[in-house]
Amino acid sequence: MEIHSTPGGLAAHIRAHLPELRETEARVARVVLDQGAELVHLSVSDVATLAGTAPSSVVRACQRLGFRGYQELKIAAARQAPAPAPEPSRDQDPAARALADTVRAAREALDGVTATLTPARLRTATDLLDAAGRVLVVGAGLSGAVALDTAYRLRALGCAVDAPADPLTAQLAAAQLTATDACFAISHTGATRSTVDAARRARQAGAPVIALTSYARSPLSEASDCTLVAGGQDLVFGLETVASRLAHLTVVDALALTLLGRRGPAAQEALRLAADVTVDHSY
């Protein structure tokens, strides 16, 4: 298995798969995250002791994470050799501490995107959007802002887009999709009920579903045809919502650029029209 050499890429990959691990496997994964580059100095028995489990559980955890075994995981850790992760700010000024911690979380989230999202998966999502006669974009709560941004970007490229703010309207729109349309569903956890329900209705209607989330396994990923995993963020400091939105918006930008290249002159003309509208509303 190949893990990107981006600093933090291995950690992002592991965090994105944490929800699908059993309790003992999750403890092993946490040890790997805690040890970082120091993992190369530990044997499988050392990791088992730290995780309070058996060496066989360490091997199973590695395999569930996509590695052939513990040795391959150690090699991935050695290749990354990342600098030690910055510690949470201990500044006594709440504003200074909040700024430092937020920037740290955002940097880690962006560093992790290339570890959890492949160009091949991005191309698949682009194919589905390019072929769609109409695109329904759904997202709730803080992901709602990402959904609105996604809808704007796709519309500016010439796509016919619907992005209802009301969850019931979104489900009705999803149920009315056809096989020639597509649904783009966004949820950090992948477990937001209104978003998952809309994705399921779209799937039942025959429309392909593209999911944008932070975790590889979730109810939303199970309802999607193409899941874009945008970095797994740690939840220790309560900044996962900030970090996930930045990671998700980064994926949306990459998706838009890929679609722009795919659609060529037609998308360029749509962008010129969008620019004209923007200019008309500027002082």
Protein backbone atom coordinates (compact mmCIF):
# COMPACT_ATOMS: atom_id res chain seq x y z
CA MET A 1 0.00 0.00 0.00
CA GLU A 2 1.31 3.45 -0.89
CA ILE A 3 0.87 6.32 1.55
CA HIS A 4 1.70 9.77 0.28
CA SER A 5 4.89 11.27 1.70
CA THR A 6 3.15 14.50 2.70
CA PRO A 7 3.86 15.26 6.37
CA GLY A 8 0.90 14.03 8.38
CA GLY A 9 -0.37 11.87 5.53
CA LEU A 10 -0.09 8.59 7.43
CA ALA A 11 -1.85 10.08 10.46
CA ALA A 12 -4.66 11.44 8.28
CA HIS A 13 -5.10 8.03 6.64
CA ILE A 14 -5.36 6.31 10.02
CA ARG A 15 -7.80 8.86 11.45
CA ALA A 16 -10.02 8.58 8.39
CA HIS A 17 -10.38 4.83 9.06
CA LEU A 18 -10.68 4.93 12.87
CA PRO A 19 -14.49 4.65 12.98
CA GLU A 20 -14.42 1.29 11.20
CA LEU A 21 -11.96 -0.35 13.63
CA ARG A 22 -12.87 -2.62 16.54
CA GLU A 23 -12.03 -1.44 20.06
CA THR A 24 -8.68 -3.25 20.33
CA GLU A 25 -7.72 -2.23 16.78
CA ALA A 26 -8.59 1.38 17.53
CA ARG A 27 -6.26 1.29 20.57
CA VAL A 28 -3.47 0.07 18.30
CA ALA A 29 -4.20 2.87 15.84
CA ARG A 30 -4.05 5.41 18.66
CA VAL A 31 -0.64 4.09 19.70
CA VAL A 32 0.57 4.50 16.11
CA LEU A 33 -0.74 8.07 16.07
CA ASP A 34 0.84 8.88 19.43
CA GLN A 35 4.23 7.42 18.48
CA GLY A 36 4.50 9.05 15.05
CA ALA A 37 7.98 8.67 13.57
CA GLU A 38 9.15 6.92 16.76
CA LEU A 39 7.15 3.87 15.67
CA VAL A 40 10.18 2.67 13.67
CA HIS A 41 11.94 1.92 16.97
CA LEU A 42 9.13 -0.27 18.34
CA SER A 43 8.52 -3.97 17.77
CA VAL A 44 5.08 -5.44 17.28
CA SER A 45 5.22 -6.63 20.90
CA ASP A 46 6.04 -3.10 22.08
CA VAL A 47 2.99 -1.72 20.30
CA ALA A 48 0.83 -4.54 21.68
CA THR A 49 1.95 -3.70 25.22
CA LEU A 50 1.25 0.01 24.78
CA ALA A 51 -2.20 -0.78 23.36
CA GLY A 52 -2.97 -3.35 26.04
CA THR A 53 -3.62 -6.11 23.53
CA ALA A 54 -1.94 -9.06 21.80
CA PRO A 55 0.57 -8.88 18.91
CA SER A 56 -1.98 -10.65 16.70
CA SER A 57 -4.36 -7.72 17.25
CA VAL A 58 -1.64 -5.32 16.13
CA VAL A 59 -1.24 -7.24 12.89
CA ARG A 60 -5.01 -7.32 12.34
CA ALA A 61 -5.24 -3.58 12.95
CA CYS A 62 -2.52 -2.96 10.36
CA GLN A 63 -4.37 -5.10 7.84
CA ARG A 64 -7.68 -3.34 8.54
CA LEU A 65 -5.87 -0.07 7.83
CA GLY A 66 -4.80 -1.38 4.43
CA PHE A 67 -1.27 -2.60 5.17
CA ARG A 68 -0.02 -6.15 4.68
CA GLY A 69 1.29 -6.18 8.21
CA TYR A 70 3.13 -4.27 10.92
CA GLN A 71 6.39 -4.13 8.98
CA GLU A 72 4.76 -2.31 6.08
CA LEU A 73 3.23 0.18 8.48
CA LYS A 74 6.66 0.82 10.02
CA ILE A 75 8.10 1.42 6.55
CA ALA A 76 5.36 3.96 5.84
CA ALA A 77 6.15 5.71 9.14
CA ALA A 78 9.87 5.76 8.32
CA ARG A 79 9.26 7.23 4.86
CA GLN A 80 7.16 9.99 6.32
CA ALA A 81 9.61 10.92 9.05
CA PRO A 82 7.53 13.99 9.81
CA ALA A 83 8.59 16.77 12.09
CA PRO A 84 7.01 16.51 15.53
CA ALA A 85 3.46 17.82 15.50
CA PRO A 86 3.15 21.25 17.08
CA GLU A 87 1.80 21.19 20.60
CA PRO A 88 -1.46 22.97 21.41
CA SER A 89 -0.82 26.57 22.37
CA ARG A 90 -0.36 27.22 26.09
CA ASP A 91 -0.59 30.98 25.68
CA GLN A 92 -2.53 32.57 28.53
CA ASP A 93 -4.29 34.91 26.11
CA PRO A 94 -7.46 33.07 24.96
CA ALA A 95 -7.46 34.84 21.58
CA ALA A 96 -3.81 34.01 20.89
CA ARG A 97 -4.38 30.40 21.96
CA ALA A 98 -7.49 30.08 19.79
CA LEU A 99 -5.70 31.50 16.74
CA ALA A 100 -2.68 29.22 17.13
CA ASP A 101 -4.76 26.08 17.67
CA THR A 102 -7.09 26.84 14.77
CA VAL A 103 -4.21 27.43 12.35
CA ARG A 104 -2.52 24.23 13.55
CA ALA A 105 -5.68 22.18 13.00
CA ALA A 106 -6.22 23.72 9.56
CA ARG A 107 -2.64 22.98 8.50
CA GLU A 108 -2.90 19.36 9.61
CA ALA A 109 -6.20 18.94 7.76
CA LEU A 110 -4.82 20.32 4.50
CA ASP A 111 -1.66 18.23 4.79
CA GLY A 112 -3.80 15.15 5.15
CA VAL A 113 -5.98 15.63 2.05
CA THR A 114 -3.55 13.98 -0.38
CA ALA A 115 -3.25 10.97 1.93
CA THR A 116 -6.98 10.24 1.87
CA LEU A 117 -8.00 11.40 -1.61
CA THR A 118 -6.47 10.02 -4.82
CA PRO A 119 -6.49 11.68 -8.26
CA ALA A 120 -8.30 8.60 -9.60
CA ARG A 121 -11.19 9.12 -7.17
CA LEU A 122 -11.29 12.82 -8.09
CA ARG A 123 -11.50 11.90 -11.78
CA THR A 124 -14.35 9.49 -11.09
CA ALA A 125 -16.32 12.23 -9.32
CA THR A 126 -15.60 14.59 -12.21
CA ASP A 127 -16.90 12.02 -14.72
CA LEU A 128 -20.17 11.70 -12.80
CA LEU A 129 -20.65 15.47 -12.56
CA ASP A 130 -19.72 16.07 -16.18
CA ALA A 131 -22.26 13.49 -17.37
CA ALA A 132 -25.08 14.75 -15.13
CA GLY A 133 -27.94 16.70 -16.66
CA ARG A 134 -28.68 18.15 -13.23
CA VAL A 135 -26.72 18.11 -9.96
CA LEU A 136 -28.39 18.18 -6.55
CA VAL A 137 -26.05 19.40 -3.79
CA VAL A 138 -27.03 18.63 -0.19
CA GLY A 139 -25.42 19.44 3.15
CA ALA A 140 -26.66 20.48 6.59
CA GLY A 141 -25.32 22.48 9.52
CA LEU A 142 -21.74 23.62 9.02
CA SER A 143 -21.52 21.48 5.88
CA GLY A 144 -24.35 23.57 4.48
CA ALA A 145 -21.90 26.40 3.82
CA VAL A 146 -19.66 24.00 1.88
CA ALA A 147 -22.71 22.81 -0.07
CA LEU A 148 -23.57 26.38 -1.08
CA ASP A 149 -19.98 27.01 -2.17
CA THR A 150 -20.01 23.76 -4.17
CA ALA A 151 -23.26 24.70 -5.88
CA TYR A 152 -21.90 28.13 -6.82
CA ARG A 153 -18.69 26.68 -8.22
CA LEU A 154 -20.52 24.06 -10.30
CA ARG A 155 -23.08 26.58 -11.56
CA ALA A 156 -20.27 28.94 -12.59
CA LEU A 157 -18.89 26.11 -14.73
CA GLY A 158 -22.20 25.70 -16.55
CA CYS A 159 -23.76 22.87 -14.54
CA ALA A 160 -27.49 22.88 -13.82
CA VAL A 161 -27.50 22.87 -10.01
CA ASP A 162 -30.10 22.67 -7.26
CA ALA A 163 -29.07 23.23 -3.62
CA PRO A 164 -32.18 23.44 -1.38
CA ALA A 165 -31.53 24.79 2.10
CA ASP A 166 -34.61 23.08 3.53
CA PRO A 167 -33.91 19.36 4.28
CA LEU A 168 -37.41 18.23 3.30
CA THR A 169 -37.14 20.04 -0.03
CA ALA A 170 -33.73 18.43 -0.52
CA GLN A 171 -35.21 14.96 0.01
CA LEU A 172 -38.06 15.71 -2.39
CA ALA A 173 -35.57 16.93 -4.99
CA ALA A 174 -33.46 13.80 -4.44
CA ALA A 175 -36.46 11.54 -4.98
CA GLN A 176 -37.17 13.30 -8.30
CA LEU A 177 -33.68 12.75 -9.74
CA THR A 178 -33.13 10.34 -12.60
CA ALA A 179 -30.26 8.16 -13.78
CA THR A 180 -29.05 11.04 -15.94
CA ASP A 181 -28.63 13.33 -12.89
CA ALA A 182 -26.29 13.23 -9.88
CA CYS A 183 -26.39 13.97 -6.16
CA PHE A 184 -23.42 15.58 -4.36
CA ALA A 185 -23.78 14.99 -0.59
CA ILE A 186 -21.50 16.66 1.96
CA SER A 187 -21.11 15.69 5.63
CA HIS A 188 -18.06 15.86 7.91
CA THR A 189 -19.13 12.85 9.97
CA GLY A 190 -20.95 11.10 7.15
CA ALA A 191 -23.78 10.47 9.61
CA THR A 192 -25.99 13.58 9.33
CA ARG A 193 -29.45 12.06 8.97
CA SER A 194 -30.98 14.57 6.55
CA THR A 195 -27.96 14.40 4.24
CA VAL A 196 -27.75 10.61 4.34
CA ASP A 197 -31.49 10.28 3.75
CA ALA A 198 -31.29 12.57 0.71
CA ALA A 199 -28.39 10.52 -0.67
CA ARG A 200 -30.33 7.30 -0.17
CA ARG A 201 -33.39 8.73 -1.94
CA ALA A 202 -31.21 9.83 -4.85
CA ARG A 203 -29.71 6.35 -5.04
CA GLN A 204 -33.16 4.76 -4.99
CA ALA A 205 -34.18 7.08 -7.85
CA GLY A 206 -31.27 5.72 -9.89
CA ALA A 207 -29.01 8.79 -9.69
CA PRO A 208 -25.30 8.33 -8.89
CA VAL A 209 -24.24 9.78 -5.53
CA ILE A 210 -20.95 11.52 -4.81
CA ALA A 211 -20.09 11.88 -1.11
CA LEU A 212 -17.64 14.34 0.44
CA THR A 213 -16.79 13.41 4.02
CA SER A 214 -13.93 13.07 6.49
CA TYR A 215 -14.19 9.35 7.17
CA ALA A 216 -13.80 6.37 4.87
CA ARG A 217 -16.64 4.34 6.41
CA SER A 218 -19.94 5.95 7.32
CA PRO A 219 -23.65 5.73 6.50
CA LEU A 220 -23.08 8.33 3.78
CA SER A 221 -20.22 6.42 2.15
CA GLU A 222 -22.40 3.30 2.11
CA ALA A 223 -25.05 5.25 0.18
CA SER A 224 -22.61 6.71 -2.36
CA ASP A 225 -21.15 5.55 -5.64
CA CYS A 226 -18.00 7.65 -5.21
CA THR A 227 -16.72 8.77 -1.80
CA LEU A 228 -14.24 11.64 -1.56
CA VAL A 229 -12.49 11.40 1.83
CA ALA A 230 -10.95 14.74 2.71
CA GLY A 231 -8.53 14.01 5.52
CA GLY A 232 -9.32 12.52 8.92
CA GLN A 233 -9.07 15.12 11.66
CA ASP A 234 -8.38 14.49 15.31
CA LEU A 235 -11.15 15.61 17.66
CA VAL A 236 -9.02 16.42 20.70
CA PHE A 237 -9.34 20.19 20.60
CA GLY A 238 -12.86 20.50 19.21
CA LEU A 239 -11.61 22.10 15.99
CA GLU A 240 -12.66 19.32 13.63
CA THR A 241 -15.46 21.41 12.15
CA VAL A 242 -13.08 24.21 11.17
CA ALA A 243 -10.47 21.83 9.78
CA SER A 244 -12.96 19.66 7.91
CA ARG A 245 -14.57 22.61 6.16
CA LEU A 246 -11.18 23.82 4.92
CA ALA A 247 -10.29 20.32 3.72
CA HIS A 248 -13.67 19.92 2.03
CA LEU A 249 -13.45 23.31 0.33
CA THR A 250 -10.00 22.37 -0.94
CA VAL A 251 -11.46 19.23 -2.52
CA VAL A 252 -14.28 21.27 -4.05
CA ASP A 253 -11.73 23.63 -5.61
CA ALA A 254 -9.72 20.69 -6.99
CA LEU A 255 -12.91 19.15 -8.34
CA ALA A 256 -13.90 22.42 -10.01
CA LEU A 257 -10.48 22.79 -11.64
CA THR A 258 -10.63 19.20 -12.90
CA LEU A 259 -14.12 19.79 -14.29
CA LEU A 260 -12.96 23.03 -15.92
CA GLY A 261 -10.24 21.12 -17.76
CA ARG A 262 -12.72 18.43 -18.78
CA ARG A 263 -15.38 20.81 -20.14
CA GLY A 264 -12.94 23.15 -21.88
CA PRO A 265 -14.39 26.08 -23.92
CA ALA A 266 -17.96 25.56 -22.65
CA ALA A 267 -16.84 25.92 -19.03
CA GLN A 268 -14.61 28.88 -19.90
CA GLU A 269 -17.59 30.65 -21.44
CA ALA A 270 -19.70 29.91 -18.36
CA LEU A 271 -16.94 31.38 -16.17
CA ARG A 272 -16.87 34.54 -18.28
CA LEU A 273 -20.62 34.89 -17.78
CA ALA A 274 -20.18 34.41 -14.02
CA ALA A 275 -17.46 37.08 -14.02
CA ASP A 276 -19.76 39.50 -15.84
CA VAL A 277 -22.49 38.96 -13.25
CA THR A 278 -19.98 39.52 -10.44
CA VAL A 279 -18.74 42.76 -12.00
CA ASP A 280 -22.30 44.05 -12.34
CA HIS A 281 -22.72 43.66 -8.58
CA SER A 282 -19.47 45.41 -7.61
CA TYR A 283 -18.88 49.08 -6.86
